[in-house]
N, C-alpha and C. Protein backbone atom coordinates (compact mmCIF):
# COMPACT_ATOMS: atom_id res chain seq x y z
N MET A 1 111.48 114.90 102.25
CA MET A 1 111.72 116.11 100.90
C MET A 1 112.18 117.28 101.68
N GLU A 2 111.93 117.48 102.77
CA GLU A 2 112.59 118.57 103.33
C GLU A 2 114.17 118.82 103.26
N LYS A 3 114.67 117.86 103.55
CA LYS A 3 116.24 117.54 103.21
C LYS A 3 116.62 117.87 101.97
N LEU A 4 115.79 117.39 101.00
CA LEU A 4 116.55 116.98 100.22
C LEU A 4 116.44 118.57 99.25
N ALA A 5 115.00 119.23 99.49
CA ALA A 5 115.21 120.56 98.96
C ALA A 5 116.47 121.78 99.59
N GLU A 6 116.98 121.01 100.78
CA GLU A 6 118.00 122.30 101.03
C GLU A 6 119.25 121.40 100.59
N LYS A 7 119.21 120.29 100.55
CA LYS A 7 120.60 119.64 99.87
C LYS A 7 121.04 119.97 98.29
N LEU A 8 119.91 119.95 97.54
CA LEU A 8 120.18 119.69 95.74
C LEU A 8 120.70 121.02 95.47
N PRO A 9 120.03 121.93 95.89
CA PRO A 9 120.40 123.33 95.36
C PRO A 9 122.25 123.51 95.97
N ILE A 10 122.39 123.33 96.91
CA ILE A 10 123.47 123.39 97.24
C ILE A 10 124.94 122.37 96.83
N ALA A 11 124.41 121.11 96.55
CA ALA A 11 124.87 120.15 95.82
C ALA A 11 125.11 120.12 94.36
N GLY A 12 123.84 121.16 93.89
CA GLY A 12 124.38 121.59 92.41
C GLY A 12 125.26 122.60 92.12
N LYS A 13 125.29 123.62 93.17
CA LYS A 13 126.41 124.37 93.18
C LYS A 13 127.71 123.91 92.81
N GLU A 14 128.30 122.89 93.81
CA GLU A 14 129.38 122.27 94.22
C GLU A 14 129.60 121.14 92.95
N GLY A 15 128.89 121.09 91.62
CA GLY A 15 128.70 120.52 90.64
C GLY A 15 128.58 118.91 90.58
N ALA A 16 127.45 118.82 91.68
CA ALA A 16 126.55 117.58 91.87
C ALA A 16 126.04 117.21 90.39
N LEU A 17 126.01 116.27 89.97
CA LEU A 17 125.45 115.69 88.76
C LEU A 17 123.97 114.46 88.91
N TRP A 18 123.18 114.98 89.98
CA TRP A 18 122.23 114.10 90.04
C TRP A 18 120.99 114.87 90.80
N ALA A 19 119.78 114.46 91.00
CA ALA A 19 118.90 115.09 90.95
C ALA A 19 117.59 113.74 91.71
N THR A 20 116.66 114.40 91.88
CA THR A 20 115.42 113.61 92.44
C THR A 20 114.11 113.17 91.42
N ALA A 21 113.61 112.13 91.56
CA ALA A 21 112.59 112.16 90.65
C ALA A 21 111.45 111.75 91.58
N VAL A 22 110.59 112.23 92.04
CA VAL A 22 110.10 111.82 93.15
C VAL A 22 108.71 111.08 92.52
N GLN A 23 108.41 110.08 93.01
CA GLN A 23 107.08 109.32 93.03
C GLN A 23 106.29 109.41 94.42
N TRP A 24 105.40 110.35 94.25
CA TRP A 24 104.51 110.47 95.55
C TRP A 24 103.88 109.28 95.67
N ARG A 25 103.76 109.16 97.43
CA ARG A 25 103.14 107.72 97.81
C ARG A 25 103.53 106.67 97.69
N ARG A 26 104.92 106.71 97.50
CA ARG A 26 105.70 105.17 97.08
C ARG A 26 106.75 104.95 98.38
N ARG A 27 107.02 105.96 99.06
CA ARG A 27 108.23 105.84 99.67
C ARG A 27 109.05 104.98 99.35
N HIS A 28 109.63 104.09 99.86
CA HIS A 28 110.92 103.53 99.52
C HIS A 28 110.49 102.19 98.51
N GLU A 29 109.35 102.44 97.79
CA GLU A 29 109.36 101.37 96.70
C GLU A 29 109.74 101.96 95.72
N PHE A 30 109.68 101.00 94.50
CA PHE A 30 110.32 101.66 93.12
C PHE A 30 109.37 101.97 92.20
N GLY A 31 107.86 101.71 92.44
CA GLY A 31 107.08 101.90 91.60
C GLY A 31 107.09 101.32 90.34
N ARG A 32 106.96 102.60 89.65
CA ARG A 32 107.40 102.74 88.21
C ARG A 32 108.61 103.27 87.64
N ALA A 33 109.78 103.22 88.38
CA ALA A 33 110.91 103.76 88.47
C ALA A 33 111.43 103.39 86.99
N SER A 34 111.66 102.46 86.46
CA SER A 34 111.80 102.08 85.38
C SER A 34 111.53 102.78 83.92
N ASN A 35 110.20 103.67 84.09
CA ASN A 35 109.65 104.39 82.87
C ASN A 35 110.50 105.65 83.20
N LEU A 36 111.13 105.82 83.96
CA LEU A 36 111.91 107.21 84.34
C LEU A 36 113.60 106.58 83.92
N PHE A 37 113.54 105.88 84.46
CA PHE A 37 115.25 105.20 84.58
C PHE A 37 115.60 104.83 83.12
N MET A 38 114.85 103.88 82.80
CA MET A 38 115.52 103.49 81.91
C MET A 38 115.68 104.21 80.09
N PRO A 39 114.81 104.89 79.80
CA PRO A 39 115.25 106.12 78.63
C PRO A 39 116.42 106.69 79.28
N LEU A 40 116.59 107.24 80.31
CA LEU A 40 117.72 107.95 80.50
C LEU A 40 118.94 107.34 80.40
N LEU A 41 119.03 105.94 81.01
CA LEU A 41 119.95 105.17 80.89
C LEU A 41 120.28 104.64 79.83
N ASP A 42 119.68 104.38 78.72
CA ASP A 42 119.51 104.21 77.12
C ASP A 42 119.99 105.29 76.38
N ARG A 43 120.01 106.80 77.32
CA ARG A 43 120.47 107.91 76.40
C ARG A 43 121.92 108.21 76.70
N VAL A 44 122.18 107.87 77.89
CA VAL A 44 123.36 107.99 78.58
C VAL A 44 124.62 106.98 78.01
N ILE A 45 124.14 105.79 77.90
CA ILE A 45 124.60 104.91 77.28
C ILE A 45 125.15 104.96 75.86
N LYS A 46 124.06 105.63 74.97
CA LYS A 46 124.10 105.91 73.64
C LYS A 46 125.63 107.16 73.52
N GLN A 47 124.99 107.89 74.44
CA GLN A 47 125.84 109.29 74.51
C GLN A 47 127.64 108.68 74.62
N ARG A 48 127.86 107.60 75.72
CA ARG A 48 129.02 107.17 76.23
C ARG A 48 129.88 106.59 75.22
N TYR A 49 129.19 105.93 74.43
CA TYR A 49 129.92 104.67 73.73
C TYR A 49 129.89 105.33 71.84
N PRO A 50 131.14 104.88 71.43
CA PRO A 50 131.43 105.17 69.96
C PRO A 50 130.19 104.38 69.26
N HIS A 51 130.07 105.15 68.21
CA HIS A 51 128.40 105.03 67.65
C HIS A 51 128.88 103.57 66.87
N ASN A 52 129.92 103.03 66.49
CA ASN A 52 130.59 101.88 65.96
C ASN A 52 130.04 100.79 67.19
N VAL A 53 130.17 101.07 68.26
CA VAL A 53 130.17 99.88 69.28
C VAL A 53 128.87 99.77 70.21
N SER A 54 128.78 98.45 70.28
CA SER A 54 127.65 98.06 71.36
C SER A 54 127.83 98.00 72.16
N PRO A 55 127.19 98.11 73.60
CA PRO A 55 127.53 98.26 74.77
C PRO A 55 127.00 96.89 74.88
């Protein structure tokens, strides 16, 4: 986390479009990452596709 805390503000100033979503005590497991990721992915896909086209 210390490395990310340093890197994220710098990357953001350089135009990075990503962040972290910490799941404490999960280490490299995914835990319930889908609960966070799937609604985000759904919204991004809807914004990128024309309204009359299905992904």
